Amino acid sequence: MLQRCRERIDQQARPDERANLLAVTQVLSRLRYNDPQLLTILGGSQAMIESPLIQELLEQRSKQVRNEAVLLILTERFGPVSERVASAVKSIQNNTELEALIRFAAVCSDVDAFLQRLESQG
C-alpha cells in the first residue's frame, strides 16, 4: 500500500506539492505502522525535512521555545514577570532577535532594563 502511495505521489503530484504529500503520508502511515524501514518507502526523515509544511511547524515551535526560554530566564533571575513583559516577549517572532533577548535576559541588571531594551527594539 505504501509503495502504491509513493508511486502515485511521484506520478501525479505537482512539484510544489510533492514534499508535503510525502510528509503527510508518512505522518498518517506512522499512526498505523511504527516501522522506520517501512517509512523509507515514502522518503524517510529526509522527506520530512524537505517538506515546507514541516519546516513551517518547526519554525513556529522554535520561536515558541525561544520565547519560553526568555521568560524562564527572567523568572529564574527576578521572579514572576508581569503580563506586560510576557506579552512583549511573546510578540517577538524573529529568531535572531529572540536569541539576542535570551543572551540579554541572562545578563541584564533587572526586569526594567530588559523591558527598556525590548521596547527600544519595537
PDB file of N, CA and C in Angstrom:
ATOM      1  N   MET A   1       0.823  -1.191   0.000  1.00  0.00           N
ATOM      2  CA  MET A   1       0.000   0.000   0.000  1.00  0.00           C
ATOM      3  C   MET A   1       0.878   1.270   0.000  1.00  0.00           C
ATOM      4  N   LEU A   2       1.883   1.295   0.859  1.00  0.00           N
ATOM      5  CA  LEU A   2       2.744   2.482   0.908  1.00  0.00           C
ATOM      6  C   LEU A   2       3.516   2.672  -0.389  1.00  0.00           C
ATOM      7  N   GLN A   3       3.918   1.565  -0.999  1.00  0.00           N
ATOM      8  CA  GLN A   3       4.617   1.653  -2.273  1.00  0.00           C
ATOM      9  C   GLN A   3       3.703   2.267  -3.335  1.00  0.00           C
ATOM     10  N   ARG A   4       2.440   1.882  -3.332  1.00  0.00           N
ATOM     11  CA  ARG A   4       1.490   2.452  -4.292  1.00  0.00           C
ATOM     12  C   ARG A   4       1.263   3.939  -4.025  1.00  0.00           C
ATOM     13  N   CYS A   5       1.187   4.304  -2.760  1.00  0.00           N
ATOM     14  CA  CYS A   5       1.053   5.733  -2.424  1.00  0.00           C
ATOM     15  C   CYS A   5       2.246   6.515  -2.963  1.00  0.00           C
ATOM     16  N   ARG A   6       3.434   5.985  -2.737  1.00  0.00           N
ATOM     17  CA  ARG A   6       4.646   6.674  -3.195  1.00  0.00           C
ATOM     18  C   ARG A   6       4.634   6.827  -4.716  1.00  0.00           C
ATOM     19  N   GLU A   7       4.290   5.768  -5.417  1.00  0.00           N
ATOM     20  CA  GLU A   7       4.251   5.818  -6.882  1.00  0.00           C
ATOM     21  C   GLU A   7       3.231   6.850  -7.358  1.00  0.00           C
ATOM     22  N   ARG A   8       2.110   6.877  -6.713  1.00  0.00           N
ATOM     23  CA  ARG A   8       1.058   7.818  -7.109  1.00  0.00           C
ATOM     24  C   ARG A   8       1.501   9.261  -6.876  1.00  0.00           C
ATOM     25  N   ILE A   9       2.129   9.512  -5.737  1.00  0.00           N
ATOM     26  CA  ILE A   9       2.641  10.858  -5.450  1.00  0.00           C
ATOM     27  C   ILE A   9       3.691  11.232  -6.478  1.00  0.00           C
ATOM     28  N   ASP A  10       4.609  10.318  -6.764  1.00  0.00           N
ATOM     29  CA  ASP A  10       5.671  10.598  -7.744  1.00  0.00           C
ATOM     30  C   ASP A  10       5.101  10.888  -9.132  1.00  0.00           C
ATOM     31  N   GLN A  11       4.044  10.196  -9.507  1.00  0.00           N
ATOM     32  CA  GLN A  11       3.484  10.348 -10.843  1.00  0.00           C
ATOM     33  C   GLN A  11       2.535  11.535 -10.981  1.00  0.00           C
ATOM     34  N   GLN A  12       1.762  11.833  -9.941  1.00  0.00           N
ATOM     35  CA  GLN A  12       0.666  12.772 -10.113  1.00  0.00           C
ATOM     36  C   GLN A  12       0.807  14.090  -9.347  1.00  0.00           C
ATOM     37  N   ALA A  13       1.660  14.134  -8.373  1.00  0.00           N
ATOM     38  CA  ALA A  13       1.753  15.362  -7.568  1.00  0.00           C
ATOM     39  C   ALA A  13       2.511  16.443  -8.337  1.00  0.00           C
ATOM     40  N   ARG A  14       2.037  17.663  -8.171  1.00  0.00           N
ATOM     41  CA  ARG A  14       2.786  18.792  -8.717  1.00  0.00           C
ATOM     42  C   ARG A  14       4.087  18.922  -7.925  1.00  0.00           C
ATOM     43  N   PRO A  15       5.133  19.433  -8.541  1.00  0.00           N
ATOM     44  CA  PRO A  15       6.417  19.553  -7.839  1.00  0.00           C
ATOM     45  C   PRO A  15       6.325  20.320  -6.514  1.00  0.00           C
ATOM     46  N   ASP A  16       5.492  21.349  -6.464  1.00  0.00           N
ATOM     47  CA  ASP A  16       5.375  22.139  -5.237  1.00  0.00           C
ATOM     48  C   ASP A  16       4.541  21.439  -4.159  1.00  0.00           C
ATOM     49  N   GLU A  17       3.878  20.346  -4.507  1.00  0.00           N
ATOM     50  CA  GLU A  17       3.075  19.586  -3.547  1.00  0.00           C
ATOM     51  C   GLU A  17       3.779  18.328  -3.052  1.00  0.00           C
ATOM     52  N   ARG A  18       4.736  17.853  -3.815  1.00  0.00           N
ATOM     53  CA  ARG A  18       5.330  16.538  -3.591  1.00  0.00           C
ATOM     54  C   ARG A  18       5.877  16.363  -2.176  1.00  0.00           C
ATOM     55  N   ALA A  19       6.704  17.268  -1.710  1.00  0.00           N
ATOM     56  CA  ALA A  19       7.335  17.115  -0.394  1.00  0.00           C
ATOM     57  C   ALA A  19       6.295  17.070   0.721  1.00  0.00           C
ATOM     58  N   ASN A  20       5.298  17.951   0.643  1.00  0.00           N
ATOM     59  CA  ASN A  20       4.252  17.941   1.670  1.00  0.00           C
ATOM     60  C   ASN A  20       3.422  16.657   1.628  1.00  0.00           C
ATOM     61  N   LEU A  21       3.112  16.185   0.434  1.00  0.00           N
ATOM     62  CA  LEU A  21       2.335  14.945   0.335  1.00  0.00           C
ATOM     63  C   LEU A  21       3.097  13.760   0.902  1.00  0.00           C
ATOM     64  N   LEU A  22       4.383  13.689   0.625  1.00  0.00           N
ATOM     65  CA  LEU A  22       5.187  12.600   1.192  1.00  0.00           C
ATOM     66  C   LEU A  22       5.240  12.700   2.716  1.00  0.00           C
ATOM     67  N   ALA A  23       5.410  13.911   3.222  1.00  0.00           N
ATOM     68  CA  ALA A  23       5.481  14.096   4.677  1.00  0.00           C
ATOM     69  C   ALA A  23       4.166  13.747   5.352  1.00  0.00           C
ATOM     70  N   VAL A  24       3.069  14.226   4.814  1.00  0.00           N
ATOM     71  CA  VAL A  24       1.764  13.957   5.411  1.00  0.00           C
ATOM     72  C   VAL A  24       1.435  12.471   5.323  1.00  0.00           C
ATOM     73  N   THR A  25       1.767  11.854   4.222  1.00  0.00           N
ATOM     74  CA  THR A  25       1.533  10.416   4.082  1.00  0.00           C
ATOM     75  C   THR A  25       2.340   9.644   5.118  1.00  0.00           C
ATOM     76  N   GLN A  26       3.566  10.097   5.380  1.00  0.00           N
ATOM     77  CA  GLN A  26       4.372   9.452   6.424  1.00  0.00           C
ATOM     78  C   GLN A  26       3.730   9.604   7.798  1.00  0.00           C
ATOM     79  N   VAL A  27       3.265  10.806   8.095  1.00  0.00           N
ATOM     80  CA  VAL A  27       2.642  11.045   9.396  1.00  0.00           C
ATOM     81  C   VAL A  27       1.434  10.127   9.571  1.00  0.00           C
ATOM     82  N   LEU A  28       0.586  10.082   8.574  1.00  0.00           N
ATOM     83  CA  LEU A  28      -0.607   9.232   8.659  1.00  0.00           C
ATOM     84  C   LEU A  28      -0.227   7.754   8.709  1.00  0.00           C
ATOM     85  N   SER A  29       0.775   7.358   7.971  1.00  0.00           N
ATOM     86  CA  SER A  29       1.215   5.964   7.981  1.00  0.00           C
ATOM     87  C   SER A  29       1.780   5.582   9.339  1.00  0.00           C
ATOM     88  N   ARG A  30       2.441   6.514   9.961  1.00  0.00           N
ATOM     89  CA  ARG A  30       3.039   6.238  11.271  1.00  0.00           C
ATOM     90  C   ARG A  30       1.991   6.014  12.348  1.00  0.00           C
ATOM     91  N   LEU A  31       0.799   6.526  12.130  1.00  0.00           N
ATOM     92  CA  LEU A  31      -0.277   6.259  13.080  1.00  0.00           C
ATOM     93  C   LEU A  31      -0.628   4.766  13.102  1.00  0.00           C
ATOM     94  N   ARG A  32      -0.403   4.113  11.991  1.00  0.00           N
ATOM     95  CA  ARG A  32      -0.726   2.681  11.877  1.00  0.00           C
ATOM     96  C   ARG A  32       0.507   1.791  11.984  1.00  0.00           C
ATOM     97  N   TYR A  33       1.618   2.217  11.368  1.00  0.00           N
ATOM     98  CA  TYR A  33       2.835   1.402  11.328  1.00  0.00           C
ATOM     99  C   TYR A  33       3.976   2.161  11.994  1.00  0.00           C
ATOM    100  N   ASN A  34       4.660   1.521  12.893  1.00  0.00           N
ATOM    101  CA  ASN A  34       5.785   2.166  13.564  1.00  0.00           C
ATOM    102  C   ASN A  34       7.098   1.498  13.164  1.00  0.00           C
ATOM    103  N   ASP A  35       7.224   1.230  11.887  1.00  0.00           N
ATOM    104  CA  ASP A  35       8.408   0.572  11.363  1.00  0.00           C
ATOM    105  C   ASP A  35       9.179   1.567  10.491  1.00  0.00           C
ATOM    106  N   PRO A  36      10.312   2.087  10.998  1.00  0.00           N
ATOM    107  CA  PRO A  36      11.084   3.075  10.221  1.00  0.00           C
ATOM    108  C   PRO A  36      11.482   2.564   8.839  1.00  0.00           C
ATOM    109  N   GLN A  37      11.750   1.274   8.715  1.00  0.00           N
ATOM    110  CA  GLN A  37      12.119   0.713   7.416  1.00  0.00           C
ATOM    111  C   GLN A  37      10.974   0.848   6.422  1.00  0.00           C
ATOM    112  N   LEU A  38       9.781   0.631   6.901  1.00  0.00           N
ATOM    113  CA  LEU A  38       8.609   0.734   6.051  1.00  0.00           C
ATOM    114  C   LEU A  38       8.418   2.171   5.568  1.00  0.00           C
ATOM    115  N   LEU A  39       8.718   3.121   6.429  1.00  0.00           N
ATOM    116  CA  LEU A  39       8.530   4.525   6.073  1.00  0.00           C
ATOM    117  C   LEU A  39       9.594   5.044   5.104  1.00  0.00           C
ATOM    118  N   THR A  40      10.680   4.304   4.932  1.00  0.00           N
ATOM    119  CA  THR A  40      11.682   4.721   3.938  1.00  0.00           C
ATOM    120  C   THR A  40      11.090   4.689   2.533  1.00  0.00           C
ATOM    121  N   ILE A  41      10.058   3.900   2.343  1.00  0.00           N
ATOM    122  CA  ILE A  41       9.371   3.871   1.049  1.00  0.00           C
ATOM    123  C   ILE A  41       8.877   5.274   0.684  1.00  0.00           C
ATOM    124  N   LEU A  42       8.492   6.035   1.709  1.00  0.00           N
ATOM    125  CA  LEU A  42       7.966   7.383   1.488  1.00  0.00           C
ATOM    126  C   LEU A  42       9.043   8.460   1.609  1.00  0.00           C
ATOM    127  N   GLY A  43      10.287   8.048   1.693  1.00  0.00           N
ATOM    128  CA  GLY A  43      11.379   9.013   1.720  1.00  0.00           C
ATOM    129  C   GLY A  43      12.026   9.188   3.079  1.00  0.00           C
ATOM    130  N   GLY A  44      11.487   8.539   4.101  1.00  0.00           N
ATOM    131  CA  GLY A  44      12.084   8.596   5.427  1.00  0.00           C
ATOM    132  C   GLY A  44      12.188  10.008   5.979  1.00  0.00           C
ATOM    133  N   SER A  45      13.126  10.210   6.867  1.00  0.00           N
ATOM    134  CA  SER A  45      13.253  11.509   7.533  1.00  0.00           C
ATOM    135  C   SER A  45      13.634  12.621   6.558  1.00  0.00           C
ATOM    136  N   GLN A  46      14.331  12.288   5.484  1.00  0.00           N
ATOM    137  CA  GLN A  46      14.714  13.319   4.512  1.00  0.00           C
ATOM    138  C   GLN A  46      13.477  13.951   3.876  1.00  0.00           C
ATOM    139  N   ALA A  47      12.469  13.152   3.587  1.00  0.00           N
ATOM    140  CA  ALA A  47      11.227  13.689   3.014  1.00  0.00           C
ATOM    141  C   ALA A  47      10.555  14.618   3.999  1.00  0.00           C
ATOM    142  N   MET A  48      10.627  14.273   5.285  1.00  0.00           N
ATOM    143  CA  MET A  48      10.036  15.132   6.304  1.00  0.00           C
ATOM    144  C   MET A  48      10.786  16.462   6.369  1.00  0.00           C
ATOM    145  N   ILE A  49      12.092  16.410   6.334  1.00  0.00           N
ATOM    146  CA  ILE A  49      12.916  17.616   6.421  1.00  0.00           C
ATOM    147  C   ILE A  49      12.647  18.547   5.244  1.00  0.00           C
ATOM    148  N   GLU A  50      12.407  17.994   4.078  1.00  0.00           N
ATOM    149  CA  GLU A  50      12.209  18.790   2.873  1.00  0.00           C
ATOM    150  C   GLU A  50      10.810  19.391   2.763  1.00  0.00           C
ATOM    151  N   SER A  51       9.907  18.962   3.586  1.00  0.00           N
ATOM    152  CA  SER A  51       8.530  19.432   3.500  1.00  0.00           C
ATOM    153  C   SER A  51       8.396  20.868   3.998  1.00  0.00           C
ATOM    154  N   PRO A  52       7.887  21.772   3.147  1.00  0.00           N
ATOM    155  CA  PRO A  52       7.653  23.142   3.603  1.00  0.00           C
ATOM    156  C   PRO A  52       6.690  23.205   4.796  1.00  0.00           C
ATOM    157  N   LEU A  53       5.718  22.321   4.814  1.00  0.00           N
ATOM    158  CA  LEU A  53       4.772  22.277   5.926  1.00  0.00           C
ATOM    159  C   LEU A  53       5.500  21.950   7.233  1.00  0.00           C
ATOM    160  N   ILE A  54       6.332  20.935   7.208  1.00  0.00           N
ATOM    161  CA  ILE A  54       7.080  20.540   8.408  1.00  0.00           C
ATOM    162  C   ILE A  54       8.061  21.643   8.794  1.00  0.00           C
ATOM    163  N   GLN A  55       8.703  22.266   7.828  1.00  0.00           N
ATOM    164  CA  GLN A  55       9.619  23.372   8.117  1.00  0.00           C
ATOM    165  C   GLN A  55       8.895  24.519   8.819  1.00  0.00           C
ATOM    166  N   GLU A  56       7.700  24.818   8.347  1.00  0.00           N
ATOM    167  CA  GLU A  56       6.901  25.885   8.966  1.00  0.00           C
ATOM    168  C   GLU A  56       6.548  25.537  10.413  1.00  0.00           C
ATOM    169  N   LEU A  57       6.160  24.299  10.639  1.00  0.00           N
ATOM    170  CA  LEU A  57       5.823  23.861  12.001  1.00  0.00           C
ATOM    171  C   LEU A  57       7.045  23.909  12.915  1.00  0.00           C
ATOM    172  N   LEU A  58       8.185  23.484  12.398  1.00  0.00           N
ATOM    173  CA  LEU A  58       9.420  23.527  13.188  1.00  0.00           C
ATOM    174  C   LEU A  58       9.825  24.960  13.515  1.00  0.00           C
ATOM    175  N   GLU A  59       9.648  25.841  12.571  1.00  0.00           N
ATOM    176  CA  GLU A  59       9.971  27.260  12.789  1.00  0.00           C
ATOM    177  C   GLU A  59       9.070  27.857  13.868  1.00  0.00           C
ATOM    178  N   GLN A  60       7.797  27.545  13.808  1.00  0.00           N
ATOM    179  CA  GLN A  60       6.866  28.032  14.834  1.00  0.00           C
ATOM    180  C   GLN A  60       7.250  27.497  16.208  1.00  0.00           C
ATOM    181  N   ARG A  61       7.597  26.233  16.273  1.00  0.00           N
ATOM    182  CA  ARG A  61       7.988  25.629  17.548  1.00  0.00           C
ATOM    183  C   ARG A  61       9.280  26.247  18.068  1.00  0.00           C
ATOM    184  N   SER A  62      10.206  26.498  17.176  1.00  0.00           N
ATOM    185  CA  SER A  62      11.472  27.113  17.563  1.00  0.00           C
ATOM    186  C   SER A  62      11.250  28.486  18.193  1.00  0.00           C
ATOM    187  N   LYS A  63      10.370  29.275  17.608  1.00  0.00           N
ATOM    188  CA  LYS A  63      10.049  30.593  18.165  1.00  0.00           C
ATOM    189  C   LYS A  63       9.404  30.453  19.537  1.00  0.00           C
ATOM    190  N   GLN A  64       8.497  29.504  19.665  1.00  0.00           N
ATOM    191  CA  GLN A  64       7.819  29.282  20.942  1.00  0.00           C
ATOM    192  C   GLN A  64       8.821  28.885  22.028  1.00  0.00           C
ATOM    193  N   VAL A  65       9.739  28.007  21.700  1.00  0.00           N
ATOM    194  CA  VAL A  65      10.747  27.569  22.669  1.00  0.00           C
ATOM    195  C   VAL A  65      11.638  28.735  23.080  1.00  0.00           C
ATOM    196  N   ARG A  66      12.031  29.557  22.136  1.00  0.00           N
ATOM    197  CA  ARG A  66      12.875  30.706  22.463  1.00  0.00           C
ATOM    198  C   ARG A  66      12.121  31.726  23.322  1.00  0.00           C
ATOM    199  N   ASN A  67      10.858  31.971  22.986  1.00  0.00           N
ATOM    200  CA  ASN A  67      10.031  32.862  23.820  1.00  0.00           C
ATOM    201  C   ASN A  67       9.976  32.332  25.250  1.00  0.00           C
ATOM    202  N   GLU A  68       9.729  31.046  25.385  1.00  0.00           N
ATOM    203  CA  GLU A  68       9.658  30.433  26.712  1.00  0.00           C
ATOM    204  C   GLU A  68      10.991  30.510  27.434  1.00  0.00           C
ATOM    205  N   ALA A  69      12.087  30.369  26.704  1.00  0.00           N
ATOM    206  CA  ALA A  69      13.418  30.435  27.317  1.00  0.00           C
ATOM    207  C   ALA A  69      13.680  31.823  27.901  1.00  0.00           C
ATOM    208  N   VAL A  70      13.318  32.859  27.160  1.00  0.00           N
ATOM    209  CA  VAL A  70      13.489  34.232  27.662  1.00  0.00           C
ATOM    210  C   VAL A  70      12.715  34.405  28.965  1.00  0.00           C
ATOM    211  N   LEU A  71      11.460  33.995  28.965  1.00  0.00           N
ATOM    212  CA  LEU A  71      10.626  34.167  30.154  1.00  0.00           C
ATOM    213  C   LEU A  71      11.117  33.310  31.318  1.00  0.00           C
ATOM    214  N   LEU A  72      11.607  32.133  31.034  1.00  0.00           N
ATOM    215  CA  LEU A  72      12.138  31.272  32.083  1.00  0.00           C
ATOM    216  C   LEU A  72      13.382  31.883  32.730  1.00  0.00           C
ATOM    217  N   ILE A  73      14.271  32.396  31.910  1.00  0.00           N
ATOM    218  CA  ILE A  73      15.484  33.031  32.444  1.00  0.00           C
ATOM    219  C   ILE A  73      15.113  34.224  33.317  1.00  0.00           C
ATOM    220  N   LEU A  74      14.224  35.066  32.809  1.00  0.00           N
ATOM    221  CA  LEU A  74      13.809  36.235  33.598  1.00  0.00           C
ATOM    222  C   LEU A  74      13.152  35.812  34.914  1.00  0.00           C
ATOM    223  N   THR A  75      12.300  34.810  34.865  1.00  0.00           N
ATOM    224  CA  THR A  75      11.608  34.338  36.070  1.00  0.00           C
ATOM    225  C   THR A  75      12.601  33.750  37.076  1.00  0.00           C
ATOM    226  N   GLU A  76      13.555  32.989  36.589  1.00  0.00           N
ATOM    227  CA  GLU A  76      14.551  32.396  37.488  1.00  0.00           C
ATOM    228  C   GLU A  76      15.427  33.468  38.135  1.00  0.00           C
ATOM    229  N   ARG A  77      15.724  34.501  37.394  1.00  0.00           N
ATOM    230  CA  ARG A  77      16.605  35.545  37.920  1.00  0.00           C
ATOM    231  C   ARG A  77      15.870  36.560  38.796  1.00  0.00           C
ATOM    232  N   PHE A  78      14.644  36.928  38.394  1.00  0.00           N
ATOM    233  CA  PHE A  78      13.974  38.064  39.043  1.00  0.00           C
ATOM    234  C   PHE A  78      12.598  37.745  39.629  1.00  0.00           C
ATOM    235  N   GLY A  79      12.144  36.524  39.515  1.00  0.00           N
ATOM    236  CA  GLY A  79      10.805  36.180  39.981  1.00  0.00           C
ATOM    237  C   GLY A  79       9.794  36.329  38.857  1.00  0.00           C
ATOM    238  N   PRO A  80       8.525  36.122  39.156  1.00  0.00           N
ATOM    239  CA  PRO A  80       7.484  36.177  38.114  1.00  0.00           C
ATOM    240  C   PRO A  80       7.506  37.504  37.345  1.00  0.00           C
ATOM    241  N   VAL A  81       7.353  37.397  36.041  1.00  0.00           N
ATOM    242  CA  VAL A  81       7.343  38.591  35.195  1.00  0.00           C
ATOM    243  C   VAL A  81       5.912  39.066  34.999  1.00  0.00           C
ATOM    244  N   SER A  82       5.768  40.328  34.731  1.00  0.00           N
ATOM    245  CA  SER A  82       4.443  40.906  34.517  1.00  0.00           C
ATOM    246  C   SER A  82       3.867  40.445  33.178  1.00  0.00           C
ATOM    247  N   GLU A  83       2.571  40.603  33.050  1.00  0.00           N
ATOM    248  CA  GLU A  83       1.914  40.273  31.789  1.00  0.00           C
ATOM    249  C   GLU A  83       2.431  41.177  30.670  1.00  0.00           C
ATOM    250  N   ARG A  84       2.776  42.397  31.014  1.00  0.00           N
ATOM    251  CA  ARG A  84       3.338  43.336  30.025  1.00  0.00           C
ATOM    252  C   ARG A  84       4.626  42.778  29.423  1.00  0.00           C
ATOM    253  N   VAL A  85       5.518  42.301  30.279  1.00  0.00           N
ATOM    254  CA  VAL A  85       6.785  41.725  29.800  1.00  0.00           C
ATOM    255  C   VAL A  85       6.511  40.450  29.007  1.00  0.00           C
ATOM    256  N   ALA A  86       5.672  39.580  29.554  1.00  0.00           N
ATOM    257  CA  ALA A  86       5.369  38.316  28.875  1.00  0.00           C
ATOM    258  C   ALA A  86       4.774  38.566  27.488  1.00  0.00           C
ATOM    259  N   SER A  87       3.841  39.496  27.390  1.00  0.00           N
ATOM    260  CA  SER A  87       3.214  39.803  26.096  1.00  0.00           C
ATOM    261  C   SER A  87       4.221  40.381  25.113  1.00  0.00           C
ATOM    262  N   ALA A  88       5.070  41.251  25.618  1.00  0.00           N
ATOM    263  CA  ALA A  88       6.082  41.859  24.742  1.00  0.00           C
ATOM    264  C   ALA A  88       7.041  40.804  24.210  1.00  0.00           C
ATOM    265  N   VAL A  89       7.455  39.883  25.068  1.00  0.00           N
ATOM    266  CA  VAL A  89       8.366  38.813  24.634  1.00  0.00           C
ATOM    267  C   VAL A  89       7.662  37.921  23.618  1.00  0.00           C
ATOM    268  N   LYS A  90       6.427  37.541  23.905  1.00  0.00           N
ATOM    269  CA  LYS A  90       5.695  36.639  23.010  1.00  0.00           C
ATOM    270  C   LYS A  90       5.405  37.268  21.653  1.00  0.00           C
ATOM    271  N   SER A  91       5.432  38.586  21.581  1.00  0.00           N
ATOM    272  CA  SER A  91       5.174  39.245  20.298  1.00  0.00           C
ATOM    273  C   SER A  91       6.378  39.195  19.359  1.00  0.00           C
ATOM    274  N   ILE A  92       7.549  38.892  19.885  1.00  0.00           N
ATOM    275  CA  ILE A  92       8.757  38.804  19.060  1.00  0.00           C
ATOM    276  C   ILE A  92       8.715  37.499  18.279  1.00  0.00           C
ATOM    277  N   GLN A  93       8.836  37.592  16.965  1.00  0.00           N
ATOM    278  CA  GLN A  93       8.748  36.413  16.110  1.00  0.00           C
ATOM    279  C   GLN A  93      10.014  36.128  15.321  1.00  0.00           C
ATOM    280  N   ASN A  94      11.004  36.973  15.465  1.00  0.00           N
ATOM    281  CA  ASN A  94      12.256  36.794  14.731  1.00  0.00           C
ATOM    282  C   ASN A  94      13.237  36.005  15.597  1.00  0.00           C
ATOM    283  N   ASN A  95      13.708  34.861  15.097  1.00  0.00           N
ATOM    284  CA  ASN A  95      14.600  34.007  15.877  1.00  0.00           C
ATOM    285  C   ASN A  95      15.915  34.688  16.244  1.00  0.00           C
ATOM    286  N   THR A  96      16.430  35.527  15.383  1.00  0.00           N
ATOM    287  CA  THR A  96      17.678  36.239  15.689  1.00  0.00           C
ATOM    288  C   THR A  96      17.465  37.198  16.855  1.00  0.00           C
ATOM    289  N   GLU A  97      16.353  37.919  16.828  1.00  0.00           N
ATOM    290  CA  GLU A  97      16.031  38.823  17.937  1.00  0.00           C
ATOM    291  C   GLU A  97      15.814  38.040  19.227  1.00  0.00           C
ATOM    292  N   LEU A  98      15.160  36.896  19.115  1.00  0.00           N
ATOM    293  CA  LEU A  98      14.913  36.081  20.298  1.00  0.00           C
ATOM    294  C   LEU A  98      16.215  35.549  20.893  1.00  0.00           C
ATOM    295  N   GLU A  99      17.147  35.161  20.044  1.00  0.00           N
ATOM    296  CA  GLU A  99      18.460  34.706  20.534  1.00  0.00           C
ATOM    297  C   GLU A  99      19.159  35.834  21.296  1.00  0.00           C
ATOM    298  N   ALA A 100      19.089  37.035  20.760  1.00  0.00           N
ATOM    299  CA  ALA A 100      19.705  38.180  21.434  1.00  0.00           C
ATOM    300  C   ALA A 100      19.018  38.450  22.776  1.00  0.00           C
ATOM    301  N   LEU A 101      17.702  38.289  22.820  1.00  0.00           N
ATOM    302  CA  LEU A 101      16.972  38.503  24.068  1.00  0.00           C
ATOM    303  C   LEU A 101      17.292  37.432  25.108  1.00  0.00           C
ATOM    304  N   ILE A 102      17.521  36.219  24.665  1.00  0.00           N
ATOM    305  CA  ILE A 102      17.930  35.156  25.591  1.00  0.00           C
ATOM    306  C   ILE A 102      19.244  35.549  26.250  1.00  0.00           C
ATOM    307  N   ARG A 103      20.192  35.991  25.439  1.00  0.00           N
ATOM    308  CA  ARG A 103      21.501  36.399  25.979  1.00  0.00           C
ATOM    309  C   ARG A 103      21.353  37.581  26.934  1.00  0.00           C
ATOM    310  N   PHE A 104      20.543  38.555  26.547  1.00  0.00           N
ATOM    311  CA  PHE A 104      20.384  39.736  27.380  1.00  0.00           C
ATOM    312  C   PHE A 104      19.656  39.404  28.679  1.00  0.00           C
ATOM    313  N   ALA A 105      18.662  38.530  28.607  1.00  0.00           N
ATOM    314  CA  ALA A 105      17.933  38.126  29.812  1.00  0.00           C
ATOM    315  C   ALA A 105      18.881  37.504  30.838  1.00  0.00           C
ATOM    316  N   ALA A 106      19.920  36.854  30.357  1.00  0.00           N
ATOM    317  CA  ALA A 106      20.871  36.193  31.253  1.00  0.00           C
ATOM    318  C   ALA A 106      21.816  37.175  31.946  1.00  0.00           C
ATOM    319  N   VAL A 107      21.957  38.388  31.403  1.00  0.00           N
ATOM    320  CA  VAL A 107      22.948  39.312  31.975  1.00  0.00           C
ATOM    321  C   VAL A 107      22.386  40.672  32.382  1.00  0.00           C
ATOM    322  N   CYS A 108      21.150  40.969  32.055  1.00  0.00           N
ATOM    323  CA  CYS A 108      20.605  42.298  32.361  1.00  0.00           C
ATOM    324  C   CYS A 108      20.542  42.517  33.874  1.00  0.00           C
ATOM    325  N   SER A 109      20.550  43.785  34.266  1.00  0.00           N
ATOM    326  CA  SER A 109      20.582  44.109  35.697  1.00  0.00           C
ATOM    327  C   SER A 109      19.244  43.880  36.390  1.00  0.00           C
ATOM    328  N   ASP A 110      18.142  44.058  35.677  1.00  0.00           N
ATOM    329  CA  ASP A 110      16.818  43.839  36.255  1.00  0.00           C
ATOM    330  C   ASP A 110      15.780  43.784  35.139  1.00  0.00           C
ATOM    331  N   VAL A 111      14.541  43.506  35.509  1.00  0.00           N
ATOM    332  CA  VAL A 111      13.470  43.375  34.517  1.00  0.00           C
ATOM    333  C   VAL A 111      13.211  44.700  33.811  1.00  0.00           C
ATOM    334  N   ASP A 112      13.363  45.807  34.525  1.00  0.00           N
ATOM    335  CA  ASP A 112      13.149  47.112  33.895  1.00  0.00           C
ATOM    336  C   ASP A 112      14.150  47.353  32.773  1.00  0.00           C
ATOM    337  N   ALA A 113      15.407  46.971  32.995  1.00  0.00           N
ATOM    338  CA  ALA A 113      16.424  47.111  31.939  1.00  0.00           C
ATOM    339  C   ALA A 113      16.071  46.222  30.751  1.00  0.00           C
ATOM    340  N   PHE A 114      15.586  45.025  31.050  1.00  0.00           N
ATOM    341  CA  PHE A 114      15.179  44.126  29.978  1.00  0.00           C
ATOM    342  C   PHE A 114      14.018  44.719  29.186  1.00  0.00           C
ATOM    343  N   LEU A 115      13.021  45.222  29.896  1.00  0.00           N
ATOM    344  CA  LEU A 115      11.854  45.810  29.243  1.00  0.00           C
ATOM    345  C   LEU A 115      12.240  47.028  28.412  1.00  0.00           C
ATOM    346  N   GLN A 116      13.155  47.828  28.919  1.00  0.00           N
ATOM    347  CA  GLN A 116      13.607  49.008  28.179  1.00  0.00           C
ATOM    348  C   GLN A 116      14.262  48.571  26.860  1.00  0.00           C
ATOM    349  N   ARG A 117      15.094  47.551  26.919  1.00  0.00           N
ATOM    350  CA  ARG A 117      15.738  47.044  25.696  1.00  0.00           C
ATOM    351  C   ARG A 117      14.688  46.475  24.748  1.00  0.00           C
ATOM    352  N   LEU A 118      13.751  45.754  25.296  1.00  0.00           N
ATOM    353  CA  LEU A 118      12.688  45.150  24.487  1.00  0.00           C
ATOM    354  C   LEU A 118      11.865  46.217  23.769  1.00  0.00           C
ATOM    355  N   GLU A 119      11.509  47.246  24.487  1.00  0.00           N
ATOM    356  CA  GLU A 119      10.694  48.319  23.896  1.00  0.00           C
ATOM    357  C   GLU A 119      11.481  49.152  22.907  1.00  0.00           C
ATOM    358  N   SER A 120      12.789  49.257  23.073  1.00  0.00           N
ATOM    359  CA  SER A 120      13.598  50.024  22.129  1.00  0.00           C
ATOM    360  C   SER A 120      13.761  49.277  20.796  1.00  0.00           C
ATOM    361  N   GLN A 121      13.562  47.955  20.815  1.00  0.00           N
ATOM    362  CA  GLN A 121      13.616  47.163  19.570  1.00  0.00           C
ATOM    363  C   GLN A 121      12.371  47.346  18.733  1.00  0.00           C
ATOM    364  N   GLY A 122      11.236  47.550  19.405  1.00  0.00           N
ATOM    365  CA  GLY A 122       9.950  47.612  18.694  1.00  0.00           C
ATOM    366  C   GLY A 122       9.666  48.938  18.185  1.00  0.00           C
TER     367      GLY A 122
END
